[in-house]
Amino acid sequence: MPVTRIPPVPPSEITPRQVWLDRRKLIAGMAGAAALPLLPGAAAAKPVIEPLEAQKNPGFVPSDPATEKRLATTYNNFYEFGTGKGDPVRNAGELKVRPWTVEIVGEVAKPRTVGIEDLLKFALEERIYRFRCVEAWSMVIPWVGFEFNKLAALVEPTGRAKFVRFTTALRPEEMSGIRANLPVLDWPYVEGLRIDEAMHPLTLVTLGMYGETLPNQNGAPVRLVVPWKYGYKSAKSIVRIEFLEKQPVSSWTKAAMHEYGFYSNVNPNVDHPRWSQKRERLLPALFASRETEMFNGYADQVASLYAGMDLRANH
């Protein structure tokens, strides 16, 4: 009888072991979705969540429907609470988000410290952004916040301010991943943007999602959302913002410069050294079934920021 030959599978299509394990966790949680949290232990973290009123901005609604809230709040990257996708929801309940202050310093005329109550006084709006992680999965999330440029206006950056550095809280007593001394990153977590990126209208100081304050595992009480970049550029649980003359070194760039460049724009033409970025899976899909869009679908708004730049060298 004739022999059926199966064509070889290209390496770029082979699922990494850790991704496969994460998918098994995801499937297990979805199977019991009617009665249980999405991931085992999800009920362990019970931060205070309150309604957060905001005007819906119809200018920021992608064609894809919003990701189910339960999935968006139980499948996360937040290494301060562990490296597994289900670790943040299990462990982040330890983080105390009140009181909370953010220090804004550096190349500014009016340095100041603002409390979370001050931030909540800004006119908030809901924007539905696509949010993509470097592991080739993405979500569509209704974030609540205000443009970063409005916060910058309070401190009046000087002409020497060329970059902005964001620093996450460093609280080993409340952050189990740091307390466990995981050999992943140098803490505290630091991210950075060029100032024109930070001041772009898409860059959001984010205080909530799904019409409520941020859950701890999603970066409470205040985080950044930069939708055209990979998710790790959107610093969580921010305690310090610095306007700088020189480019800062981001945590992931410091850890693995050849894998994580400073810009970290979503670019399907530049593969991660260990996997392809050409396709993505929009959760809850289990496979990368769609082509990745340049700048995560926000090319019309942000491509001009990088005119003349080599986006392979400046990855």
Protein backbone atom coordinates (compact mmCIF):
# COMPACT_ATOMS: atom_id res chain seq x y z
CA MET A 1 0.00 0.00 0.00
CA PRO A 2 1.24 3.56 -0.66
CA VAL A 3 3.18 5.25 2.11
CA THR A 4 1.93 8.65 3.29
CA ARG A 5 4.86 10.93 3.99
CA ILE A 6 4.40 13.64 6.56
CA PRO A 7 6.29 16.80 5.65
CA PRO A 8 8.87 17.94 8.21
CA VAL A 9 7.72 20.56 10.69
CA PRO A 10 9.82 23.72 10.53
CA PRO A 11 11.48 24.62 13.85
CA SER A 12 9.60 27.93 13.98
CA GLU A 13 6.31 26.02 14.24
CA ILE A 14 7.40 23.78 17.13
CA THR A 15 5.79 24.88 20.37
CA PRO A 16 8.33 25.59 23.16
CA ARG A 17 7.89 23.25 26.13
CA GLN A 18 7.03 26.03 28.61
CA VAL A 19 4.37 27.44 26.28
CA TRP A 20 2.88 23.96 25.92
CA LEU A 21 2.79 23.59 29.71
CA ASP A 22 1.13 26.99 30.09
CA ARG A 23 -1.50 26.00 27.53
CA ARG A 24 -2.24 22.83 29.49
CA LYS A 25 -2.87 24.99 32.56
CA LEU A 26 -5.08 27.26 30.49
CA ILE A 27 -7.13 24.35 29.11
CA ALA A 28 -7.49 22.83 32.58
CA GLY A 29 -8.83 26.08 33.93
CA MET A 30 -11.23 26.63 31.02
CA ALA A 31 -12.65 23.14 31.46
CA GLY A 32 -13.91 24.08 34.90
CA ALA A 33 -14.76 27.67 34.09
CA ALA A 34 -18.40 27.36 35.11
CA ALA A 35 -17.55 26.78 38.76
CA LEU A 36 -13.83 27.40 39.34
CA PRO A 37 -11.22 30.13 38.83
CA LEU A 38 -9.37 29.85 35.53
CA LEU A 39 -6.16 28.65 37.14
CA PRO A 40 -5.59 26.63 40.33
CA GLY A 41 -5.17 28.86 43.35
CA ALA A 42 -6.69 31.91 41.67
CA ALA A 43 -8.94 32.55 44.68
CA ALA A 44 -5.93 33.02 46.94
CA ALA A 45 -5.35 36.66 45.94
CA LYS A 46 -8.16 38.97 47.07
CA PRO A 47 -7.04 42.57 46.58
CA VAL A 48 -9.63 45.30 47.03
CA ILE A 49 -11.32 46.02 43.69
CA GLU A 50 -13.57 49.04 43.34
CA PRO A 51 -15.67 50.45 40.50
CA LEU A 52 -13.82 53.03 38.41
CA GLU A 53 -15.95 55.37 36.34
CA ALA A 54 -14.58 56.54 33.02
CA GLN A 55 -15.78 57.88 29.70
CA LYS A 56 -15.63 55.29 26.94
CA ASN A 57 -13.40 56.50 24.12
CA PRO A 58 -14.85 55.17 20.84
CA GLY A 59 -11.64 56.04 19.01
CA PHE A 60 -9.84 53.11 20.61
CA VAL A 61 -11.90 50.02 19.85
CA PRO A 62 -10.15 47.26 17.84
CA SER A 63 -12.09 44.93 15.58
CA ASP A 64 -11.60 41.98 17.93
CA PRO A 65 -13.91 41.52 20.92
CA ALA A 66 -12.56 42.16 24.41
CA THR A 67 -10.89 39.23 26.12
CA GLU A 68 -12.91 37.65 28.91
CA LYS A 69 -12.11 39.46 32.15
CA ARG A 70 -11.40 36.26 34.06
CA LEU A 71 -8.78 35.23 31.53
CA ALA A 72 -7.14 38.67 31.43
CA THR A 73 -6.81 38.67 35.22
CA THR A 74 -5.53 35.12 35.73
CA TYR A 75 -3.03 34.60 32.89
CA ASN A 76 -0.29 37.15 33.47
CA ASN A 77 3.40 37.95 33.46
CA PHE A 78 4.51 39.65 36.69
CA TYR A 79 7.79 38.08 37.77
CA GLU A 80 7.84 39.86 41.12
CA PHE A 81 5.21 37.27 42.07
CA GLY A 82 6.61 34.26 40.20
CA THR A 83 7.46 33.21 36.66
CA GLY A 84 4.40 31.06 35.92
CA LYS A 85 1.36 32.58 34.21
CA GLY A 86 -0.80 31.63 37.20
CA ASP A 87 1.64 32.81 39.86
CA PRO A 88 0.61 36.49 39.94
CA VAL A 89 -3.06 35.82 40.68
CA ARG A 90 -2.06 33.35 43.40
CA ASN A 91 0.55 35.53 45.06
CA ALA A 92 -0.10 39.20 44.34
CA GLY A 93 -2.71 39.54 47.08
CA GLU A 94 0.21 40.18 49.45
CA LEU A 95 0.91 43.54 47.84
CA LYS A 96 -0.49 46.50 49.80
CA VAL A 97 -1.64 49.15 47.32
CA ARG A 98 -2.87 51.75 49.83
CA PRO A 99 -1.29 54.11 50.62
CA TRP A 100 0.70 54.50 47.41
CA THR A 101 2.80 57.32 46.02
CA VAL A 102 4.71 57.94 42.80
CA GLU A 103 7.80 60.13 42.84
CA ILE A 104 8.35 62.18 39.65
CA VAL A 105 11.85 63.62 39.37
CA GLY A 106 14.78 64.26 37.07
CA GLU A 107 14.95 66.79 34.27
CA VAL A 108 11.78 68.60 35.31
CA ALA A 109 11.02 72.11 36.55
CA LYS A 110 8.59 71.00 39.25
CA PRO A 111 9.48 67.61 40.76
CA ARG A 112 6.77 66.22 42.97
CA THR A 113 5.32 63.17 44.63
CA VAL A 114 1.73 62.25 43.84
CA GLY A 115 -0.55 59.85 45.65
CA ILE A 116 -2.93 57.41 44.02
CA GLU A 117 -5.79 59.68 45.11
CA ASP A 118 -4.21 62.50 43.07
CA LEU A 119 -4.03 60.28 40.01
CA LEU A 120 -7.66 59.28 40.35
CA LYS A 121 -8.64 62.96 40.03
CA PHE A 122 -7.59 63.04 36.37
CA ALA A 123 -10.36 62.74 33.78
CA LEU A 124 -10.35 58.99 33.13
CA GLU A 125 -11.33 57.30 29.91
CA GLU A 126 -11.74 53.71 28.83
CA ARG A 127 -9.70 52.61 25.84
CA ILE A 128 -9.81 49.11 24.42
CA TYR A 129 -6.26 48.25 23.39
CA ARG A 130 -4.69 45.16 21.94
CA PHE A 131 -1.98 44.02 24.31
CA ARG A 132 0.71 41.63 23.04
CA CYS A 133 3.36 39.65 24.89
CA VAL A 134 6.64 38.55 23.40
CA GLU A 135 5.68 34.87 23.73
CA ALA A 136 3.26 35.43 20.79
CA TRP A 137 0.02 35.65 22.76
CA SER A 138 -2.21 38.68 22.91
CA MET A 139 -5.37 39.98 24.56
CA VAL A 140 -7.84 42.80 23.93
CA ILE A 141 -8.38 44.71 27.18
CA PRO A 142 -10.54 47.73 28.12
CA TRP A 143 -8.02 49.77 30.11
CA VAL A 144 -9.00 52.80 32.22
CA GLY A 145 -6.61 55.71 32.57
CA PHE A 146 -5.34 58.97 31.12
CA GLU A 147 -2.61 60.06 28.73
CA PHE A 148 0.87 60.13 30.24
CA ASN A 149 1.51 63.56 28.73
CA LYS A 150 -1.07 65.01 31.15
CA LEU A 151 0.92 63.73 34.11
CA ALA A 152 4.13 65.05 32.57
CA ALA A 153 2.54 68.50 32.29
CA LEU A 154 2.38 68.69 36.10
CA VAL A 155 6.16 68.54 36.42
CA GLU A 156 7.13 70.44 33.24
CA PRO A 157 9.98 68.42 31.65
CA THR A 158 12.96 70.54 30.64
CA GLY A 159 14.59 70.60 27.22
CA ARG A 160 17.20 68.15 28.50
CA ALA A 161 14.60 65.42 29.07
CA LYS A 162 15.07 62.90 26.25
CA PHE A 163 13.93 59.69 27.98
CA VAL A 164 11.64 58.55 30.77
CA ARG A 165 12.47 55.75 33.21
CA PHE A 166 9.77 53.89 35.15
CA THR A 167 10.58 51.91 38.30
CA THR A 168 8.37 49.25 39.88
CA ALA A 169 7.94 48.74 43.62
CA LEU A 170 10.62 46.72 45.40
CA ARG A 171 8.94 44.98 48.34
CA PRO A 172 10.41 41.52 49.01
CA GLU A 173 8.18 41.12 52.06
CA GLU A 174 5.11 41.44 49.78
CA MET A 175 6.49 40.08 46.49
CA SER A 176 7.07 36.36 46.65
CA GLY A 177 9.09 36.18 43.43
CA ILE A 178 11.65 38.66 44.74
CA ARG A 179 11.58 37.07 48.19
CA ALA A 180 12.41 33.70 46.63
CA ASN A 181 15.49 35.30 45.05
CA LEU A 182 14.63 33.94 41.61
CA PRO A 183 17.66 34.33 39.29
CA VAL A 184 15.65 36.17 36.63
CA LEU A 185 16.19 39.92 36.83
CA ASP A 186 17.95 42.55 38.88
CA TRP A 187 15.31 44.21 41.04
CA PRO A 188 13.63 46.63 41.11
CA TYR A 189 12.11 46.27 37.66
CA VAL A 190 12.99 49.21 35.39
CA GLU A 191 11.61 50.17 32.00
CA GLY A 192 12.14 53.15 29.73
CA LEU A 193 10.74 55.06 26.79
CA ARG A 194 12.02 57.80 24.57
CA ILE A 195 10.23 60.98 25.58
CA ASP A 196 8.28 61.29 22.33
CA GLU A 197 7.03 57.73 22.86
CA ALA A 198 6.01 58.52 26.43
CA MET A 199 4.26 61.73 25.37
CA HIS A 200 2.38 60.05 22.52
CA PRO A 201 -1.42 60.11 23.04
CA LEU A 202 -1.56 56.30 22.99
CA THR A 203 0.65 55.96 26.08
CA LEU A 204 -1.68 55.51 29.02
CA VAL A 205 -1.20 55.95 32.76
CA THR A 206 -3.50 53.09 33.73
CA LEU A 207 -5.48 52.81 36.95
CA GLY A 208 -8.06 50.20 36.00
CA MET A 209 -9.52 47.69 33.59
CA TYR A 210 -13.02 46.40 32.85
CA GLY A 211 -14.53 49.40 34.65
CA GLU A 212 -12.76 48.63 37.95
CA THR A 213 -9.50 49.46 39.69
CA LEU A 214 -6.56 47.31 38.66
CA PRO A 215 -6.22 43.89 40.28
CA ASN A 216 -2.84 43.45 41.97
CA GLN A 217 -1.74 40.84 39.45
CA ASN A 218 -2.33 43.32 36.60
CA GLY A 219 -0.13 46.05 38.07
CA ALA A 220 -2.15 47.79 40.78
CA PRO A 221 -2.51 50.50 41.68
CA VAL A 222 -0.87 52.30 38.73
CA ARG A 223 0.87 51.02 35.63
CA LEU A 224 1.72 52.08 32.12
CA VAL A 225 0.16 50.71 28.92
CA VAL A 226 2.09 51.23 25.68
CA PRO A 227 -0.02 49.26 23.20
CA TRP A 228 2.33 49.20 20.19
CA LYS A 229 5.12 47.57 22.18
CA TYR A 230 5.46 44.15 23.80
CA GLY A 231 3.74 43.93 27.16
CA TYR A 232 6.88 43.98 29.30
CA LYS A 233 7.46 47.62 28.27
CA SER A 234 4.29 48.59 30.17
CA ALA A 235 5.73 48.85 33.69
CA LYS A 236 3.48 47.75 36.56
CA SER A 237 3.05 48.99 40.15
CA ILE A 238 5.06 52.13 39.43
CA VAL A 239 6.66 54.04 42.32
CA ARG A 240 9.11 56.32 40.50
CA ILE A 241 9.17 58.19 37.18
CA GLU A 242 12.37 59.92 36.09
CA PHE A 243 12.90 62.23 33.14
CA LEU A 244 16.45 61.69 31.89
CA GLU A 245 18.91 63.10 29.41
CA LYS A 246 20.50 59.71 28.65
CA GLN A 247 18.82 56.47 27.62
CA PRO A 248 18.14 54.21 30.62
CA VAL A 249 18.92 50.50 30.66
CA SER A 250 15.71 48.47 30.90
CA SER A 251 15.62 45.37 33.09
CA TRP A 252 15.07 42.89 30.28
CA THR A 253 17.66 44.58 28.08
CA LYS A 254 20.17 44.30 30.91
CA ALA A 255 19.30 40.63 31.41
CA ALA A 256 19.45 39.62 27.73
CA MET A 257 20.39 42.42 25.36
CA HIS A 258 20.41 40.16 22.28
CA GLU A 259 16.80 39.14 22.97
CA TYR A 260 15.17 42.29 24.37
CA GLY A 261 16.13 45.61 22.82
CA PHE A 262 15.31 49.00 24.29
CA TYR A 263 12.56 49.80 21.78
CA SER A 264 10.73 46.45 21.81
CA ASN A 265 8.19 47.49 19.20
CA VAL A 266 5.92 44.71 17.95
CA ASN A 267 7.57 43.83 14.64
CA PRO A 268 6.69 40.56 12.86
CA ASN A 269 9.81 40.93 10.68
CA VAL A 270 12.20 40.54 13.61
CA ASP A 271 12.14 37.14 15.26
CA HIS A 272 12.94 36.59 18.90
CA PRO A 273 16.10 34.42 18.95
CA ARG A 274 14.07 31.51 20.34
CA TRP A 275 10.78 31.81 18.43
CA SER A 276 9.06 33.52 15.55
CA GLN A 277 7.06 36.73 15.98
CA LYS A 278 5.30 36.42 12.63
CA ARG A 279 2.11 34.95 14.05
CA GLU A 280 0.20 35.27 17.30
CA ARG A 281 -2.61 33.63 19.24
CA LEU A 282 -5.34 35.92 20.50
CA LEU A 283 -6.38 34.31 23.78
CA PRO A 284 -8.29 32.12 24.48
CA ALA A 285 -7.10 30.60 21.18
CA LEU A 286 -4.59 27.81 21.83
CA PHE A 287 -2.57 28.18 18.63
CA ALA A 288 -0.91 31.04 16.76
CA SER A 289 -3.58 31.37 14.11
CA ARG A 290 -3.21 34.95 12.89
CA GLU A 291 -0.51 37.16 11.43
CA THR A 292 1.12 39.64 13.76
CA GLU A 293 0.51 43.25 12.77
CA MET A 294 3.29 45.81 12.62
CA PHE A 295 3.33 47.93 15.79
CA ASN A 296 0.58 45.62 17.07
CA GLY A 297 -1.91 47.25 14.68
CA TYR A 298 -1.07 50.85 15.64
CA ALA A 299 1.23 51.62 12.71
CA ASP A 300 -0.93 54.48 11.45
CA GLN A 301 -0.52 56.25 14.77
CA VAL A 302 3.12 55.57 15.68
CA ALA A 303 5.17 54.60 12.62
CA SER A 304 6.23 58.22 12.14
CA LEU A 305 8.07 58.09 15.48
CA TYR A 306 10.62 55.77 13.90
CA ALA A 307 11.03 57.32 10.46
CA GLY A 308 14.54 56.65 9.16
CA MET A 309 15.39 54.13 11.89
CA ASP A 310 16.59 50.61 11.19
CA LEU A 311 13.93 48.65 13.09
CA ARG A 312 16.00 45.47 12.93
CA ALA A 313 18.98 47.05 14.61
CA ASN A 314 16.76 49.07 16.95
CA HIS A 315 14.58 46.14 17.93
